[in-house]
Amino acid sequence: MIVNAIIEILKGSYGPIRRLAFDLAEKMKLQHLFSKKLKLAGSEWLRSFLSLRSPQATSISLIIGFNKPQVDIYFSLYGDELSKTPVSSQRYLEYVSDR
């Protein structure tokens, strides 16, 4: 199923992504606003999903800052913050589908 979805995506069709998102939400019993009739995530959800993955230019100073000690410090701080205010996958899915 995933191999076929990847092949369709490479051909330029995003239907498989929308179907996989719907199937995952159903399997995980997450509340969602996807179409149960079509068994697809909505086009708004797809736009939000794809916009999260849009490449952006990176400055040389930012690239230089990506070294192991700096990345370790970042993820240590990030982990501390996540433990203070955990975000559930349900809450994230609601946020993304509301955009």
C-alpha atoms as a PDB file:
ATOM      1  CA  MET A   1       0.000   0.000   0.000  1.00  0.00           C
ATOM      2  CA  ILE A   2       2.740   2.482   0.938  1.00  0.00           C
ATOM      3  CA  VAL A   3       4.808   1.582  -2.131  1.00  0.00           C
ATOM      4  CA  ASN A   4       1.810   2.246  -4.391  1.00  0.00           C
ATOM      5  CA  ALA A   5       1.159   5.529  -2.580  1.00  0.00           C
ATOM      6  CA  ILE A   6       4.764   6.631  -3.105  1.00  0.00           C
ATOM      7  CA  ILE A   7       4.565   5.754  -6.812  1.00  0.00           C
ATOM      8  CA  GLU A   8       1.359   7.812  -7.169  1.00  0.00           C
ATOM      9  CA  ILE A   9       2.903  10.736  -5.284  1.00  0.00           C
ATOM     10  CA  LEU A  10       5.931  10.666  -7.584  1.00  0.00           C
ATOM     11  CA  LYS A  11       3.518  10.840 -10.526  1.00  0.00           C
ATOM     12  CA  GLY A  12       2.106  14.047  -9.001  1.00  0.00           C
ATOM     13  CA  SER A  13      -1.027  12.674  -7.344  1.00  0.00           C
ATOM     14  CA  TYR A  14      -1.605  13.553  -3.678  1.00  0.00           C
ATOM     15  CA  GLY A  15      -4.674  11.353  -3.207  1.00  0.00           C
ATOM     16  CA  PRO A  16      -2.639   8.599  -1.537  1.00  0.00           C
ATOM     17  CA  ILE A  17      -1.350  11.021   1.119  1.00  0.00           C
ATOM     18  CA  ARG A  18      -4.912  12.084   1.895  1.00  0.00           C
ATOM     19  CA  ARG A  19      -6.052   8.456   2.068  1.00  0.00           C
ATOM     20  CA  LEU A  20      -3.129   7.444   4.302  1.00  0.00           C
ATOM     21  CA  ALA A  21      -3.857  10.370   6.648  1.00  0.00           C
ATOM     22  CA  PHE A  22      -7.515   9.328   6.856  1.00  0.00           C
ATOM     23  CA  ASP A  23      -6.614   5.671   7.457  1.00  0.00           C
ATOM     24  CA  LEU A  24      -4.108   6.599  10.155  1.00  0.00           C
ATOM     25  CA  ALA A  25      -6.571   8.874  11.948  1.00  0.00           C
ATOM     26  CA  GLU A  26      -9.221   6.152  11.835  1.00  0.00           C
ATOM     27  CA  LYS A  27      -6.836   3.426  12.978  1.00  0.00           C
ATOM     28  CA  MET A  28      -5.622   5.564  15.888  1.00  0.00           C
ATOM     29  CA  LYS A  29      -9.237   6.505  16.688  1.00  0.00           C
ATOM     30  CA  LEU A  30      -8.385  10.217  16.510  1.00  0.00           C
ATOM     31  CA  GLN A  31     -11.139  12.777  16.213  1.00  0.00           C
ATOM     32  CA  HIS A  32     -10.948  14.410  12.798  1.00  0.00           C
ATOM     33  CA  LEU A  33     -12.954  16.328  10.246  1.00  0.00           C
ATOM     34  CA  PHE A  34     -11.921  14.165   7.297  1.00  0.00           C
ATOM     35  CA  SER A  35     -14.556  12.866   4.882  1.00  0.00           C
ATOM     36  CA  LYS A  36     -15.772   9.474   6.041  1.00  0.00           C
ATOM     37  CA  LYS A  37     -17.753   9.158   2.817  1.00  0.00           C
ATOM     38  CA  LEU A  38     -14.695   9.667   0.583  1.00  0.00           C
ATOM     39  CA  LYS A  39     -12.264   8.181   3.158  1.00  0.00           C
ATOM     40  CA  LEU A  40      -9.871  11.075   2.499  1.00  0.00           C
ATOM     41  CA  ALA A  41      -8.275  13.878   4.472  1.00  0.00           C
ATOM     42  CA  GLY A  42      -9.395  17.273   3.212  1.00  0.00           C
ATOM     43  CA  SER A  43      -7.577  19.446   0.701  1.00  0.00           C
ATOM     44  CA  GLU A  44      -7.033  22.084   3.420  1.00  0.00           C
ATOM     45  CA  TRP A  45      -5.295  19.442   5.552  1.00  0.00           C
ATOM     46  CA  LEU A  46      -3.121  18.507   2.563  1.00  0.00           C
ATOM     47  CA  ARG A  47      -2.120  22.145   1.982  1.00  0.00           C
ATOM     48  CA  SER A  48      -1.192  22.513   5.660  1.00  0.00           C
ATOM     49  CA  PHE A  49       0.726  19.235   5.604  1.00  0.00           C
ATOM     50  CA  LEU A  50       2.702  20.196   2.505  1.00  0.00           C
ATOM     51  CA  SER A  51       3.397  23.727   3.757  1.00  0.00           C
ATOM     52  CA  LEU A  52       5.105  22.232   6.819  1.00  0.00           C
ATOM     53  CA  ARG A  53       7.569  20.587   4.472  1.00  0.00           C
ATOM     54  CA  SER A  54       8.380  23.487   2.153  1.00  0.00           C
ATOM     55  CA  PRO A  55      12.151  23.950   1.838  1.00  0.00           C
ATOM     56  CA  GLN A  56      13.517  27.351   2.758  1.00  0.00           C
ATOM     57  CA  ALA A  57      16.860  28.963   2.111  1.00  0.00           C
ATOM     58  CA  THR A  58      19.403  28.574   4.912  1.00  0.00           C
ATOM     59  CA  SER A  59      22.014  31.216   5.665  1.00  0.00           C
ATOM     60  CA  ILE A  60      25.674  30.265   5.963  1.00  0.00           C
ATOM     61  CA  SER A  61      25.770  31.477   9.582  1.00  0.00           C
ATOM     62  CA  LEU A  62      22.909  29.148  10.426  1.00  0.00           C
ATOM     63  CA  ILE A  63      24.639  26.241   8.691  1.00  0.00           C
ATOM     64  CA  ILE A  64      27.862  26.912  10.602  1.00  0.00           C
ATOM     65  CA  GLY A  65      25.883  26.898  13.861  1.00  0.00           C
ATOM     66  CA  PHE A  66      24.707  23.337  13.183  1.00  0.00           C
ATOM     67  CA  ASN A  67      27.485  21.462  14.905  1.00  0.00           C
ATOM     68  CA  LYS A  68      27.149  18.582  17.360  1.00  0.00           C
ATOM     69  CA  PRO A  69      27.608  20.569  20.606  1.00  0.00           C
ATOM     70  CA  GLN A  70      25.087  23.222  19.531  1.00  0.00           C
ATOM     71  CA  VAL A  71      22.557  20.639  18.363  1.00  0.00           C
ATOM     72  CA  ASP A  72      22.966  18.695  21.634  1.00  0.00           C
ATOM     73  CA  ILE A  73      22.287  21.867  23.640  1.00  0.00           C
ATOM     74  CA  TYR A  74      19.250  22.667  21.494  1.00  0.00           C
ATOM     75  CA  PHE A  75      17.662  19.239  21.913  1.00  0.00           C
ATOM     76  CA  SER A  76      18.390  19.232  25.634  1.00  0.00           C
ATOM     77  CA  LEU A  77      16.537  22.549  26.013  1.00  0.00           C
ATOM     78  CA  TYR A  78      13.805  21.395  23.626  1.00  0.00           C
ATOM     79  CA  GLY A  79      13.285  18.195  25.643  1.00  0.00           C
ATOM     80  CA  ASP A  80      13.016  20.243  28.855  1.00  0.00           C
ATOM     81  CA  GLU A  81      10.345  22.461  27.272  1.00  0.00           C
ATOM     82  CA  LEU A  82       8.385  19.499  25.896  1.00  0.00           C
ATOM     83  CA  SER A  83       8.288  17.896  29.328  1.00  0.00           C
ATOM     84  CA  LYS A  84       6.831  21.136  30.763  1.00  0.00           C
ATOM     85  CA  THR A  85       4.044  21.426  28.189  1.00  0.00           C
ATOM     86  CA  PRO A  86       3.483  18.112  26.384  1.00  0.00           C
ATOM     87  CA  VAL A  87       1.544  18.272  23.127  1.00  0.00           C
ATOM     88  CA  SER A  88      -0.470  15.200  22.261  1.00  0.00           C
ATOM     89  CA  SER A  89      -0.696  13.890  18.731  1.00  0.00           C
ATOM     90  CA  GLN A  90      -4.450  14.542  18.929  1.00  0.00           C
ATOM     91  CA  ARG A  91      -3.888  18.221  19.722  1.00  0.00           C
ATOM     92  CA  TYR A  92      -1.334  18.547  16.910  1.00  0.00           C
ATOM     93  CA  LEU A  93      -3.676  16.907  14.393  1.00  0.00           C
ATOM     94  CA  GLU A  94      -6.494  19.271  15.422  1.00  0.00           C
ATOM     95  CA  TYR A  95      -4.153  22.262  15.026  1.00  0.00           C
ATOM     96  CA  VAL A  96      -3.000  21.189  11.568  1.00  0.00           C
ATOM     97  CA  SER A  97      -6.497  20.351  10.315  1.00  0.00           C
ATOM     98  CA  ASP A  98      -7.883  23.702  11.556  1.00  0.00           C
ATOM     99  CA  ARG A  99      -5.411  25.717   9.466  1.00  0.00           C
END
